[in-house]
Amino acid sequence: MSWFRQAAAVTGMNLRSLGQRRGASAVAVLGVAAVVGVFAAVLSMAAGFQHTMNSAGSEAVAVVMRAGSTAELNSGLSNEQVRIVADAPGVARGEDGPLASAELYVIVDLPRKGAGPDSSSNVPLRGIQQHGAAVRGNVTITDGRMFAPGRAEIVAGRGARGQFAGLDPGDRVRFGQAEWQVVGTFEAGGGVSESELWTDVRVLQPAYRRGNTFQSVRVRLESPEALAQLDAALEADPRIDVDVERETDYYAAQSEALTRFIKSIGYPLSILMAIGAVFGALNTMYSSVAARTREIATLRALGFGASPVAVSTLVESLLLALIGGIIGAAITWVVFNGYTVSTLNGATFSQVVFAFAVTPALLAQGLVAALVIGLLGGLLPGLRAARLPVVTALREL
């Protein structure tokens, strides 16, 4: 009998006897499922947050802030500087002027839905100009209408409305020195803008005593390549000292710290659990070899080689691990994919609403981890089965 036929025959015998070892096999399967589930669930948080931040940006949009600013909260621009940015070369223009929006960003407190009035969270309230939505290009009003210029009206992002109370159209809220009416809900491609509230910047300025100042200017570029032209023009203008950054790069930098923090927790936690799962698999496979001592000895006496016996044990371990990995991946996908939460963005000290993203790449990594656990858990028991003294084992018959 060839080596492959021997290995297939012994493996088939092992698999048919799994029903007699249901308890030990279930422990190995559940251990691997837990590892894959935790791994995918934790890292799907980082993937979802990163997707929310990155999907908000556009290659054709630039963010202009005061030189040295790391976020809008610590930036400041005068009305004259805003005009210089809007009139700079490289900025796209529409029928009624440059596609630019000078903006103001403040933090307001709102209670979470279903958590009581004392559970307030920081929510960003952004003042935008007339072209604020057009500059971004992916904004759609899904309920109600857009705020009217010159009025204390607010439109809420879909994510903010879903997480925080008082943001349904028709609600009234008090921020700063004004009372605001919520008039609509908007979507922005699932990006971070959906965590914000928007209003007319000229109404927001006096409500927070900001005079005639702004914090950033968003401009739509004539083309993605026009960023260099805009940057060079503003760099050469002595009247202004600003940093020009592509919107995608701006949001990627904001997501980096939290994403790195989540991964720094997720990977070590998964490794620790994987070590435990490996020991569980080892115990299961050693028990399997011990339970089949007589069978293995009989096969060896009939002429079966040592390596087919070792391979059969390894295949059994890999199969149990793969089953556990698939179960863990499936449960994680059903429970966590698309689950919406909010967390604090350290760059802006405000809440960002995002959905867990259990991506195919994460599931693939989880299944690879499961197979590694199965390999490590079956290797030593397989070697033990291959080296089992035939004469000693036959004495038990």
Protein backbone atom coordinates (compact mmCIF):
# COMPACT_ATOMS: atom_id res chain seq x y z
CA MET A 1 0.00 0.00 0.00
CA SER A 2 1.39 3.43 -0.95
CA TRP A 3 2.24 6.09 1.62
CA PHE A 4 -0.71 8.27 0.59
CA ARG A 5 -3.18 5.41 0.82
CA GLN A 6 -1.84 4.50 4.25
CA ALA A 7 -2.17 8.09 5.46
CA ALA A 8 -5.72 8.35 4.04
CA ALA A 9 -6.76 5.06 5.64
CA VAL A 10 -5.44 5.95 9.10
CA THR A 11 -6.87 9.49 8.88
CA GLY A 12 -10.28 8.13 7.92
CA MET A 13 -10.20 5.77 10.89
CA ASN A 14 -9.30 8.64 13.21
CA LEU A 15 -12.09 10.85 11.95
CA ARG A 16 -14.69 8.08 12.23
CA SER A 17 -13.80 7.69 15.89
CA LEU A 18 -14.32 11.38 16.72
CA GLY A 19 -17.81 10.61 17.99
CA GLN A 20 -16.29 8.51 20.74
CA ARG A 21 -14.21 11.51 21.87
CA ARG A 22 -16.87 14.20 21.63
CA GLY A 23 -16.03 15.91 24.93
CA ALA A 24 -12.30 16.36 24.33
CA SER A 25 -12.86 17.34 20.70
CA ALA A 26 -15.47 19.93 21.67
CA VAL A 27 -13.03 21.53 24.13
CA ALA A 28 -10.44 21.95 21.37
CA VAL A 29 -12.99 23.32 18.91
CA LEU A 30 -14.43 25.82 21.38
CA GLY A 31 -10.97 26.97 22.45
CA VAL A 32 -9.98 27.78 18.89
CA ALA A 33 -13.38 29.39 18.22
CA ALA A 34 -12.86 31.69 21.20
CA VAL A 35 -9.42 32.75 19.95
CA VAL A 36 -10.66 33.53 16.45
CA GLY A 37 -13.75 35.29 17.79
CA VAL A 38 -11.83 37.58 20.13
CA PHE A 39 -9.17 38.27 17.52
CA ALA A 40 -11.67 39.23 14.83
CA ALA A 41 -13.96 41.16 17.19
CA VAL A 42 -11.24 43.34 18.70
CA LEU A 43 -9.51 44.09 15.43
CA SER A 44 -12.83 44.74 13.67
CA MET A 45 -13.17 47.71 16.00
CA ALA A 46 -9.92 49.16 14.68
CA ALA A 47 -10.90 48.35 11.10
CA GLY A 48 -14.31 50.00 11.52
CA PHE A 49 -12.88 53.15 13.09
CA GLN A 50 -10.20 53.40 10.42
CA HIS A 51 -12.78 52.91 7.65
CA THR A 52 -15.01 55.63 9.12
CA MET A 53 -12.13 58.11 9.29
CA ASN A 54 -10.68 57.28 5.89
CA SER A 55 -14.00 57.20 4.03
CA ALA A 56 -14.64 60.79 5.10
CA GLY A 57 -11.72 62.09 3.08
CA SER A 58 -11.36 62.85 -0.61
CA GLU A 59 -8.23 63.09 -2.73
CA ALA A 60 -9.73 66.18 -4.36
CA VAL A 61 -10.31 68.08 -1.10
CA ALA A 62 -7.68 69.95 0.91
CA VAL A 63 -7.79 71.06 4.55
CA VAL A 64 -6.00 74.32 5.36
CA MET A 65 -5.15 75.18 8.98
CA ARG A 66 -2.78 77.46 10.83
CA ALA A 67 0.84 76.32 10.54
CA GLY A 68 1.77 73.80 13.23
CA SER A 69 -1.81 72.81 14.06
CA THR A 70 -2.46 69.10 14.52
CA ALA A 71 -6.26 69.42 14.53
CA GLU A 72 -8.93 72.02 13.98
CA LEU A 73 -9.35 72.62 17.71
CA ASN A 74 -5.90 74.22 17.99
CA SER A 75 -6.05 76.13 14.71
CA GLY A 76 -7.18 79.68 14.03
CA LEU A 77 -7.63 81.73 10.85
CA SER A 78 -8.78 85.29 10.27
CA ASN A 79 -11.38 86.34 7.74
CA GLU A 80 -8.66 87.82 5.51
CA GLN A 81 -6.67 84.57 5.58
CA VAL A 82 -9.78 82.65 4.64
CA ARG A 83 -10.27 84.91 1.62
CA ILE A 84 -6.64 84.41 0.55
CA VAL A 85 -7.05 80.63 0.69
CA ALA A 86 -10.31 80.67 -1.27
CA ASP A 87 -8.80 82.84 -4.03
CA ALA A 88 -5.57 80.82 -4.33
CA PRO A 89 -4.69 78.96 -7.53
CA GLY A 90 -5.67 75.31 -7.59
CA VAL A 91 -9.05 75.87 -5.89
CA ALA A 92 -12.01 74.78 -8.01
CA ARG A 93 -14.63 77.39 -8.79
CA GLY A 94 -18.33 77.19 -9.37
CA GLU A 95 -20.82 79.61 -10.88
CA ASP A 96 -20.99 81.65 -7.66
CA GLY A 97 -17.36 81.60 -6.59
CA PRO A 98 -14.64 79.35 -5.17
CA LEU A 99 -15.67 75.95 -3.81
CA ALA A 100 -14.35 76.71 -0.33
CA SER A 101 -15.84 76.53 3.15
CA ALA A 102 -14.38 78.37 6.15
CA GLU A 103 -15.36 76.34 9.21
CA LEU A 104 -15.59 76.50 12.97
CA TYR A 105 -15.50 73.43 15.22
CA VAL A 106 -16.84 73.37 18.79
CA ILE A 107 -17.71 70.61 21.26
CA VAL A 108 -21.20 70.27 22.75
CA ASP A 109 -22.66 67.88 25.34
CA LEU A 110 -25.48 65.50 24.49
CA PRO A 111 -26.87 62.52 26.42
CA ARG A 112 -26.63 59.07 24.90
CA LYS A 113 -29.88 57.45 23.90
CA GLY A 114 -31.27 55.25 26.63
CA ALA A 115 -28.52 56.15 29.10
CA GLY A 116 -30.06 59.00 31.07
CA PRO A 117 -29.32 62.74 31.14
CA ASP A 118 -26.13 62.33 33.20
CA SER A 119 -24.39 60.24 30.54
CA SER A 120 -23.42 63.16 28.32
CA SER A 121 -20.74 62.85 25.66
CA ASN A 122 -18.73 65.29 23.59
CA VAL A 123 -20.32 65.76 20.18
CA PRO A 124 -18.79 67.98 17.46
CA LEU A 125 -20.82 70.94 16.24
CA ARG A 126 -19.39 72.28 13.00
CA GLY A 127 -20.17 75.61 11.41
CA ILE A 128 -19.84 75.52 7.63
CA GLN A 129 -20.27 78.03 4.83
CA GLN A 130 -22.53 77.89 1.81
CA HIS A 131 -20.35 75.45 -0.12
CA GLY A 132 -19.57 73.19 2.87
CA ALA A 133 -21.63 70.28 1.57
CA ALA A 134 -20.62 70.80 -2.07
CA VAL A 135 -16.91 70.81 -1.16
CA ARG A 136 -17.27 67.36 0.41
CA GLY A 137 -19.39 66.12 -2.47
CA ASN A 138 -20.95 63.06 -0.77
CA VAL A 139 -23.54 64.68 1.50
CA THR A 140 -27.21 63.72 1.18
CA ILE A 141 -30.14 64.96 3.28
CA THR A 142 -32.10 61.84 4.22
CA ASP A 143 -34.71 63.35 6.53
CA GLY A 144 -36.02 66.91 6.78
CA ARG A 145 -34.02 69.65 5.05
CA MET A 146 -30.71 71.52 5.11
CA PHE A 147 -30.31 74.35 7.60
CA ALA A 148 -31.19 77.81 6.33
CA PRO A 149 -28.37 80.41 6.25
CA GLY A 150 -28.58 82.97 9.06
CA ARG A 151 -30.83 80.82 11.26
CA ALA A 152 -30.04 78.87 14.42
CA GLU A 153 -30.77 75.55 12.74
CA ILE A 154 -28.88 72.27 12.83
CA VAL A 155 -28.67 69.18 10.67
CA ALA A 156 -27.42 66.03 12.41
CA GLY A 157 -25.29 63.28 10.93
CA ARG A 158 -26.93 59.88 10.74
CA GLY A 159 -24.47 58.39 13.21
CA ALA A 160 -24.90 61.19 15.74
CA ARG A 161 -28.68 60.96 15.55
CA GLY A 162 -28.54 57.20 16.12
CA GLN A 163 -26.35 57.46 19.24
CA PHE A 164 -27.42 60.68 20.98
CA ALA A 165 -30.76 62.02 22.20
CA GLY A 166 -32.46 65.22 21.05
CA LEU A 167 -31.38 65.12 17.39
CA ASP A 168 -34.59 64.17 15.61
CA PRO A 169 -35.99 66.77 13.18
CA GLY A 170 -38.20 69.15 15.15
CA ASP A 171 -36.21 68.81 18.41
CA ARG A 172 -34.75 71.91 20.02
CA VAL A 173 -31.43 71.97 21.88
CA ARG A 174 -29.43 74.70 23.60
CA PHE A 175 -25.73 75.14 22.84
CA GLY A 176 -23.62 78.16 23.73
CA GLN A 177 -25.74 81.29 23.87
CA ALA A 178 -28.41 80.16 21.44
CA GLU A 179 -31.25 77.69 21.12
CA TRP A 180 -31.09 75.57 17.99
CA GLN A 181 -33.75 73.70 16.07
CA VAL A 182 -32.88 70.38 14.46
CA VAL A 183 -34.25 70.49 10.91
CA GLY A 184 -32.71 67.48 9.17
CA THR A 185 -30.48 64.41 9.04
CA PHE A 186 -27.67 63.84 6.57
CA GLU A 187 -25.46 61.01 5.37
CA ALA A 188 -21.88 61.41 4.19
CA GLY A 189 -20.81 58.06 2.79
CA GLY A 190 -20.44 56.48 6.23
CA GLY A 191 -17.54 58.80 7.11
CA VAL A 192 -16.69 60.68 10.28
CA SER A 193 -18.85 63.63 9.18
CA GLU A 194 -21.89 61.56 10.12
CA SER A 195 -20.80 61.92 13.77
CA GLU A 196 -21.14 65.71 13.56
CA LEU A 197 -23.82 68.38 13.76
CA TRP A 198 -23.72 71.13 11.12
CA THR A 199 -24.95 74.69 11.17
CA ASP A 200 -24.25 78.06 9.53
CA VAL A 201 -20.80 79.21 10.65
CA ARG A 202 -21.97 82.84 10.81
CA VAL A 203 -24.59 81.83 13.39
CA LEU A 204 -22.16 79.68 15.35
CA GLN A 205 -19.53 82.43 15.70
CA PRO A 206 -21.56 84.79 17.93
CA ALA A 207 -23.11 81.89 19.86
CA TYR A 208 -19.61 80.97 21.07
CA ARG A 209 -18.09 84.48 20.99
CA ARG A 210 -15.64 83.64 18.24
CA GLY A 211 -15.85 87.02 16.53
CA ASN A 212 -14.91 86.83 12.87
CA THR A 213 -12.46 83.93 13.18
CA PHE A 214 -12.42 80.40 11.80
CA GLN A 215 -10.38 77.27 12.44
CA SER A 216 -10.00 75.67 9.03
CA VAL A 217 -10.82 76.06 5.38
CA ARG A 218 -11.87 73.13 3.23
CA VAL A 219 -11.45 73.61 -0.50
CA ARG A 220 -12.26 71.42 -3.47
CA LEU A 221 -9.27 71.22 -5.75
CA GLU A 222 -9.37 71.59 -9.52
CA SER A 223 -7.85 68.10 -9.56
CA PRO A 224 -6.08 65.89 -7.01
CA GLU A 225 -2.77 67.03 -8.52
CA ALA A 226 -3.63 70.69 -7.83
CA LEU A 227 -2.70 70.24 -4.15
CA ALA A 228 0.94 71.03 -4.92
CA GLN A 229 -0.06 74.20 -6.76
CA LEU A 230 -2.21 75.38 -3.85
CA ASP A 231 0.47 74.55 -1.30
CA ALA A 232 3.16 76.38 -3.26
CA ALA A 233 1.00 79.47 -3.73
CA LEU A 234 0.12 79.76 -0.03
CA GLU A 235 3.71 79.02 1.00
CA ALA A 236 4.90 81.94 -1.15
CA ASP A 237 2.29 84.40 0.18
CA PRO A 238 3.78 86.45 3.09
CA ARG A 239 0.31 87.38 4.37
CA ILE A 240 -0.46 83.87 5.54
CA ASP A 241 1.25 81.01 7.40
CA VAL A 242 -0.70 77.80 7.00
CA ASP A 243 -0.35 74.07 6.48
CA VAL A 244 -2.10 72.47 3.51
CA GLU A 245 -3.01 68.80 3.78
CA ARG A 246 -5.01 66.45 1.64
CA GLU A 247 -8.23 65.52 3.44
CA THR A 248 -7.50 61.79 3.24
CA ASP A 249 -4.11 62.31 4.90
CA TYR A 250 -5.65 64.50 7.59
CA TYR A 251 -8.17 61.86 8.65
CA ALA A 252 -5.65 59.02 8.33
CA ALA A 253 -3.38 60.80 10.82
CA GLN A 254 -6.31 61.24 13.23
CA SER A 255 -7.19 57.54 13.10
CA GLU A 256 -3.63 56.30 13.55
CA ALA A 257 -3.33 56.67 17.34
CA LEU A 258 -6.57 54.87 18.27
CA THR A 259 -6.06 52.18 15.64
CA ARG A 260 -2.56 51.49 16.94
CA PHE A 261 -3.87 51.38 20.53
CA ILE A 262 -6.60 48.87 19.69
CA LYS A 263 -4.15 46.65 17.82
CA SER A 264 -1.67 46.84 20.70
CA ILE A 265 -4.38 45.30 22.87
CA GLY A 266 -5.91 42.94 20.34
CA TYR A 267 -2.81 41.10 19.17
CA PRO A 268 -1.31 40.35 22.63
CA LEU A 269 -4.71 39.26 23.95
CA SER A 270 -5.20 36.96 20.98
CA ILE A 271 -1.69 35.51 21.39
CA LEU A 272 -2.32 34.75 25.07
CA MET A 273 -5.61 33.05 24.25
CA ALA A 274 -3.95 31.18 21.38
CA ILE A 275 -1.34 29.77 23.77
CA GLY A 276 -4.15 28.45 25.94
CA ALA A 277 -5.86 26.99 22.87
CA VAL A 278 -2.63 25.25 21.83
CA PHE A 279 -2.41 23.56 25.22
CA GLY A 280 -6.04 22.56 24.89
CA ALA A 281 -5.37 21.06 21.47
CA LEU A 282 -2.28 19.26 22.80
CA ASN A 283 -4.32 17.74 25.60
CA THR A 284 -7.03 16.68 23.17
CA MET A 285 -4.65 15.08 20.71
CA TYR A 286 -2.57 13.35 23.38
CA SER A 287 -5.84 11.90 24.72
CA SER A 288 -6.73 10.83 21.18
CA VAL A 289 -3.41 9.05 20.75
CA ALA A 290 -3.74 7.37 24.15
CA ALA A 291 -7.25 6.17 23.33
CA ARG A 292 -6.06 4.69 20.04
CA THR A 293 -2.87 3.02 21.31
CA ARG A 294 -4.07 -0.46 20.44
CA GLU A 295 -5.34 0.61 17.01
CA ILE A 296 -2.04 2.33 16.19
CA ALA A 297 -0.04 -0.68 17.36
CA THR A 298 -2.17 -3.04 15.29
CA LEU A 299 -1.75 -0.89 12.18
CA ARG A 300 2.01 -0.72 12.71
CA ALA A 301 2.14 -4.51 13.11
CA LEU A 302 0.23 -4.88 9.83
CA GLY A 303 2.90 -2.84 8.04
CA PHE A 304 1.65 0.74 8.24
CA GLY A 305 4.51 3.23 8.42
CA ALA A 306 5.19 5.67 11.25
CA SER A 307 4.80 8.82 9.18
CA PRO A 308 1.23 8.05 7.94
CA VAL A 309 0.22 7.58 11.60
CA ALA A 310 1.80 10.94 12.53
CA VAL A 311 0.16 12.68 9.58
CA SER A 312 -3.26 11.29 10.50
CA THR A 313 -2.99 12.78 13.99
CA LEU A 314 -1.87 16.11 12.57
CA VAL A 315 -4.75 16.18 10.07
CA GLU A 316 -7.23 15.47 12.85
CA SER A 317 -5.85 18.37 14.89
CA LEU A 318 -5.95 20.72 11.88
CA LEU A 319 -9.53 19.71 11.09
CA LEU A 320 -10.73 20.37 14.64
CA ALA A 321 -8.94 23.72 14.64
CA LEU A 322 -10.44 24.66 11.27
CA ILE A 323 -13.95 23.80 12.49
CA GLY A 324 -13.36 25.96 15.56
CA GLY A 325 -12.01 28.79 13.41
CA ILE A 326 -15.03 28.71 11.12
CA ILE A 327 -17.42 28.72 14.09
CA GLY A 328 -15.59 31.63 15.73
CA ALA A 329 -15.47 33.60 12.47
CA ALA A 330 -19.16 32.99 11.75
CA ILE A 331 -20.28 34.08 15.23
CA THR A 332 -18.12 37.20 15.06
CA TRP A 333 -19.52 38.11 11.64
CA VAL A 334 -23.13 37.71 12.75
CA VAL A 335 -22.77 39.49 16.10
CA PHE A 336 -20.27 42.27 15.42
CA ASN A 337 -20.21 43.17 11.74
CA GLY A 338 -22.04 46.48 11.36
CA TYR A 339 -22.58 46.90 15.12
CA THR A 340 -22.54 50.66 15.75
CA VAL A 341 -20.77 52.26 18.71
CA SER A 342 -19.04 55.55 19.46
CA THR A 343 -15.65 56.28 20.93
CA LEU A 344 -13.55 59.30 21.80
CA ASN A 345 -11.30 60.63 19.07
CA GLY A 346 -8.20 61.80 20.95
CA ALA A 347 -7.32 64.33 18.24
CA THR A 348 -10.58 66.27 18.64
CA PHE A 349 -11.80 65.16 22.11
CA SER A 350 -15.18 64.37 20.61
CA GLN A 351 -17.16 61.22 19.91
CA VAL A 352 -16.86 59.41 16.61
CA VAL A 353 -19.69 57.05 15.68
CA PHE A 354 -18.53 54.02 13.72
CA ALA A 355 -19.51 50.43 12.93
CA PHE A 356 -17.42 47.34 13.58
CA ALA A 357 -16.01 46.02 10.30
CA VAL A 358 -15.41 42.26 10.28
CA THR A 359 -13.54 42.26 6.98
CA PRO A 360 -12.64 39.20 4.88
CA ALA A 361 -8.97 39.96 5.60
CA LEU A 362 -9.59 39.72 9.36
CA LEU A 363 -11.50 36.46 8.96
CA ALA A 364 -8.69 35.06 6.83
CA GLN A 365 -6.14 36.02 9.49
CA GLY A 366 -8.30 34.35 12.12
CA LEU A 367 -8.51 31.11 10.13
CA VAL A 368 -4.76 31.13 9.57
CA ALA A 369 -4.31 31.54 13.32
CA ALA A 370 -6.66 28.59 13.87
CA LEU A 371 -4.62 26.40 11.53
CA VAL A 372 -1.40 27.39 13.29
CA ILE A 373 -2.98 26.38 16.61
CA GLY A 374 -4.02 23.07 15.05
CA LEU A 375 -0.53 22.51 13.66
CA LEU A 376 1.18 23.20 16.98
CA GLY A 377 -1.42 21.20 18.89
CA GLY A 378 -1.09 18.14 16.67
CA LEU A 379 2.62 18.09 15.98
CA LEU A 380 3.93 16.61 19.25
CA PRO A 381 1.06 14.11 19.69
CA GLY A 382 1.63 13.03 16.09
CA LEU A 383 5.30 12.41 16.76
CA ARG A 384 4.38 10.44 19.88
CA ALA A 385 1.99 8.29 17.86
CA ALA A 386 4.67 7.65 15.26
CA ARG A 387 7.24 6.65 17.90
CA LEU A 388 4.88 4.46 19.90
CA PRO A 389 6.68 1.17 20.70
CA VAL A 390 4.70 -1.49 18.83
CA VAL A 391 5.64 -4.39 21.11
CA THR A 392 4.71 -2.49 24.27
CA ALA A 393 1.39 -1.41 22.85
CA LEU A 394 0.55 -4.92 21.61
CA ARG A 395 0.96 -6.29 25.13
CA GLU A 396 -2.24 -4.35 26.03
CA LEU A 397 -4.29 -6.37 23.54
